[in-house]
Every structure is written in structure tokens, then in C-alpha cells.
């Protein structure tokens, strides 16, 4: 099991990343960059994810245009 310390994610992939199977991987997450695509239906998922990460020191929210053709992506640092 690898412990992730920093991560960049798109808001449309939050539900998958906050699953009970993956959430323990983020217990050491200190820095999160959220690429926000104005997907209003994802706000609840964002709030629930942030509540489950009290150790988070840095949160960046970047606005990016949403494109259905673009693949859902994330990048992590270990």
C-alpha cells in the first residue's frame, strides 16, 4: 500500500477516488489540487471528501472548462 502525500484531481473523478477501498490510501494526503469544471452535482462529493481529510494542509481549486471528450484524470505524488 502506497501513501499519497499530494494529488491533483478533476472534480468529476472525486466519487471514484473517495470510495471506501481507496480512501485509506489518502490518510497522509497533505496537498490537494482540485481542477473544478463547474460540475455543480459534484459539490456534495467534494465536501464529503474534504471532511474525510482533516490532515489536509493545502487546498488549491483551479477552474478549468469541462469537456466530455476529455478523459477523467488524476496525478499523485508519493
C-alpha atoms as a PDB file:
ATOM      1  CA  UNK A   1       0.000   0.000   0.000  1.00  0.00           C
ATOM      2  CA  UNK A   2       1.359   3.412  -1.000  1.00  0.00           C
ATOM      3  CA  UNK A   3       0.503   6.536   0.950  1.00  0.00           C
ATOM      4  CA  UNK A   4      -0.229   9.543  -1.252  1.00  0.00           C
ATOM      5  CA  UNK A   5       1.035  12.925   0.021  1.00  0.00           C
ATOM      6  CA  UNK A   6      -0.095  15.203  -2.821  1.00  0.00           C
ATOM      7  CA  UNK A   7      -2.700  14.863  -5.517  1.00  0.00           C
ATOM      8  CA  UNK A   8      -4.207  16.697  -8.489  1.00  0.00           C
ATOM      9  CA  UNK A   9      -7.724  15.581  -9.428  1.00  0.00           C
ATOM     10  CA  UNK A  10     -10.654  16.688 -11.544  1.00  0.00           C
ATOM     11  CA  UNK A  11     -13.868  17.165  -9.611  1.00  0.00           C
ATOM     12  CA  UNK A  12     -15.676  14.679 -11.867  1.00  0.00           C
ATOM     13  CA  UNK A  13     -13.458  11.851 -10.540  1.00  0.00           C
ATOM     14  CA  UNK A  14     -14.000  12.513  -6.827  1.00  0.00           C
ATOM     15  CA  UNK A  15     -16.670   9.849  -6.311  1.00  0.00           C
ATOM     16  CA  UNK A  16     -14.359   7.114  -7.565  1.00  0.00           C
ATOM     17  CA  UNK A  17     -11.376   8.344  -5.550  1.00  0.00           C
ATOM     18  CA  UNK A  18     -13.317   8.683  -2.305  1.00  0.00           C
ATOM     19  CA  UNK A  19     -14.544   5.094  -2.326  1.00  0.00           C
ATOM     20  CA  UNK A  20     -14.030   3.098   0.906  1.00  0.00           C
ATOM     21  CA  UNK A  21     -11.457   0.930  -0.885  1.00  0.00           C
ATOM     22  CA  UNK A  22      -9.257   3.868  -1.942  1.00  0.00           C
ATOM     23  CA  UNK A  23      -9.783   6.353   0.898  1.00  0.00           C
ATOM     24  CA  UNK A  24      -7.181   4.722   3.228  1.00  0.00           C
ATOM     25  CA  UNK A  25      -4.555   5.496   0.560  1.00  0.00           C
ATOM     26  CA  UNK A  26      -5.072   9.195   1.307  1.00  0.00           C
ATOM     27  CA  UNK A  27      -4.538   9.191   5.087  1.00  0.00           C
ATOM     28  CA  UNK A  28      -1.230  11.076   4.580  1.00  0.00           C
ATOM     29  CA  UNK A  29      -2.549  13.480   1.952  1.00  0.00           C
ATOM     30  CA  UNK A  30      -1.264  16.965   2.752  1.00  0.00           C
ATOM     31  CA  UNK A  31      -1.822  18.790  -0.542  1.00  0.00           C
ATOM     32  CA  UNK A  32      -4.808  18.578  -2.873  1.00  0.00           C
ATOM     33  CA  UNK A  33      -5.323  20.447  -6.137  1.00  0.00           C
ATOM     34  CA  UNK A  34      -8.895  20.228  -7.356  1.00  0.00           C
ATOM     35  CA  UNK A  35      -9.490  21.022 -11.014  1.00  0.00           C
ATOM     36  CA  UNK A  36     -13.026  22.379 -10.888  1.00  0.00           C
ATOM     37  CA  UNK A  37     -15.156  22.072 -14.027  1.00  0.00           C
ATOM     38  CA  UNK A  38     -18.306  23.745 -12.672  1.00  0.00           C
ATOM     39  CA  UNK A  39     -19.990  20.371 -12.289  1.00  0.00           C
ATOM     40  CA  UNK A  40     -22.479  21.515  -9.654  1.00  0.00           C
ATOM     41  CA  UNK A  41     -23.637  17.969  -8.979  1.00  0.00           C
ATOM     42  CA  UNK A  42     -20.139  17.183  -7.636  1.00  0.00           C
ATOM     43  CA  UNK A  43     -20.157  19.765  -4.816  1.00  0.00           C
ATOM     44  CA  UNK A  44     -21.540  17.303  -2.263  1.00  0.00           C
ATOM     45  CA  UNK A  45     -18.840  14.784  -3.186  1.00  0.00           C
ATOM     46  CA  UNK A  46     -16.146  17.454  -2.776  1.00  0.00           C
ATOM     47  CA  UNK A  47     -17.419  18.408   0.683  1.00  0.00           C
ATOM     48  CA  UNK A  48     -17.586  14.778   1.823  1.00  0.00           C
ATOM     49  CA  UNK A  49     -14.067  14.111   0.544  1.00  0.00           C
ATOM     50  CA  UNK A  50     -12.651  17.173   2.319  1.00  0.00           C
ATOM     51  CA  UNK A  51     -14.402  16.246   5.584  1.00  0.00           C
ATOM     52  CA  UNK A  52     -12.696  12.853   5.447  1.00  0.00           C
ATOM     53  CA  UNK A  53      -9.236  14.509   5.179  1.00  0.00           C
ATOM     54  CA  UNK A  54      -8.656  16.564   8.347  1.00  0.00           C
ATOM     55  CA  UNK A  55      -4.870  16.298   7.835  1.00  0.00           C
ATOM     56  CA  UNK A  56      -5.012  18.342   4.602  1.00  0.00           C
ATOM     57  CA  UNK A  57      -2.708  21.402   4.791  1.00  0.00           C
ATOM     58  CA  UNK A  58      -3.075  22.833   1.291  1.00  0.00           C
ATOM     59  CA  UNK A  59      -6.089  23.013  -0.986  1.00  0.00           C
ATOM     60  CA  UNK A  60      -5.968  24.630  -4.422  1.00  0.00           C
ATOM     61  CA  UNK A  61      -9.037  24.937  -6.624  1.00  0.00           C
ATOM     62  CA  UNK A  62      -8.391  25.627 -10.292  1.00  0.00           C
ATOM     63  CA  UNK A  63     -11.208  26.496 -12.684  1.00  0.00           C
ATOM     64  CA  UNK A  64     -10.984  24.660 -15.986  1.00  0.00           C
ATOM     65  CA  UNK A  65     -13.504  24.240 -18.816  1.00  0.00           C
ATOM     66  CA  UNK A  66     -15.417  20.960 -18.793  1.00  0.00           C
ATOM     67  CA  UNK A  67     -15.123  18.718 -21.830  1.00  0.00           C
ATOM     68  CA  UNK A  68     -16.967  15.403 -22.052  1.00  0.00           C
ATOM     69  CA  UNK A  69     -14.391  14.209 -24.562  1.00  0.00           C
ATOM     70  CA  UNK A  70     -11.533  14.718 -22.106  1.00  0.00           C
ATOM     71  CA  UNK A  71     -10.609  11.654 -20.061  1.00  0.00           C
ATOM     72  CA  UNK A  72     -11.057  11.720 -16.296  1.00  0.00           C
ATOM     73  CA  UNK A  73      -7.604  12.061 -14.822  1.00  0.00           C
ATOM     74  CA  UNK A  74      -5.659  12.354 -11.624  1.00  0.00           C
ATOM     75  CA  UNK A  75      -2.000  12.659 -10.717  1.00  0.00           C
ATOM     76  CA  UNK A  76      -0.487  11.737  -7.379  1.00  0.00           C
ATOM     77  CA  UNK A  77       2.841  12.183  -5.590  1.00  0.00           C
ATOM     78  CA  UNK A  78       4.181   9.604  -3.155  1.00  0.00           C
END
